[in-house]
Amino acid sequence: MEGGLHCIMQSSVARFFRWTIIPVAVLVLRGTIIGQIAPPIVWQETYGGSHDEMGRNLLRTADNGFVVSGFTTSVDGDISGQNGDHDMWVFKIDSTGTLLWQQTLGGVSWDDAHGLAPAADGGYFLTGYITPYPVLYSDIGVVKLDSGGNVQWNIDLGGSSNETVRCIEGTPDGGCILI
């Protein structure tokens, strides 16, 4: 499935669960994957608005929910607080696909989330690029969210050229590492 995010995880009962984000549509399949036989669909849901969204990261949470990050260009539907043309977007759903919270982040130009990781305190780290207006180059954006999706802090890193980062990992001491 071109243009989507694909993630397969193994459950404790040796069955596989597959979550597929196809411009922010979540499809949960449960069963054993054998050859070309697809397991049955448990639930599926589409998130976003009337314009473009893309999920880039999927993180399973301790409460069996999921946090998804990527970008949005919409200002309607599940999207509120859009800041510019193209914003970082992060949202949490529960184990049945119910939207619990969402957050758009960025400035008036192009911003996109490329990395998502759990934080030691139960929150989340988000990273990607931001493009400060009217500048035409991108900086690295790092955001710390609490477990309810509220911004605890954010920082922009960069100079006079394009910078971006694709991965972030939380550290045991509450910090993070950018890769």
Foldseek 3Di string as FASTA:
>chain_A
DPQKDWDWDADPVRWIWIWIQRQAKTWTFTGHDDDPDGGDTPDIGHADDDDGGYWQDWDQAPQRKIKTKWKHQDPDGNDHDAAARIWIKIWIAHNRGHTQDMDTDAHHDHWIWQEWEAFLQRWIKTWWWYADPPQPAIWIKIFIAHNSRHTPDIDTDDDNHHDTFRYKYYDNVGRIDTD
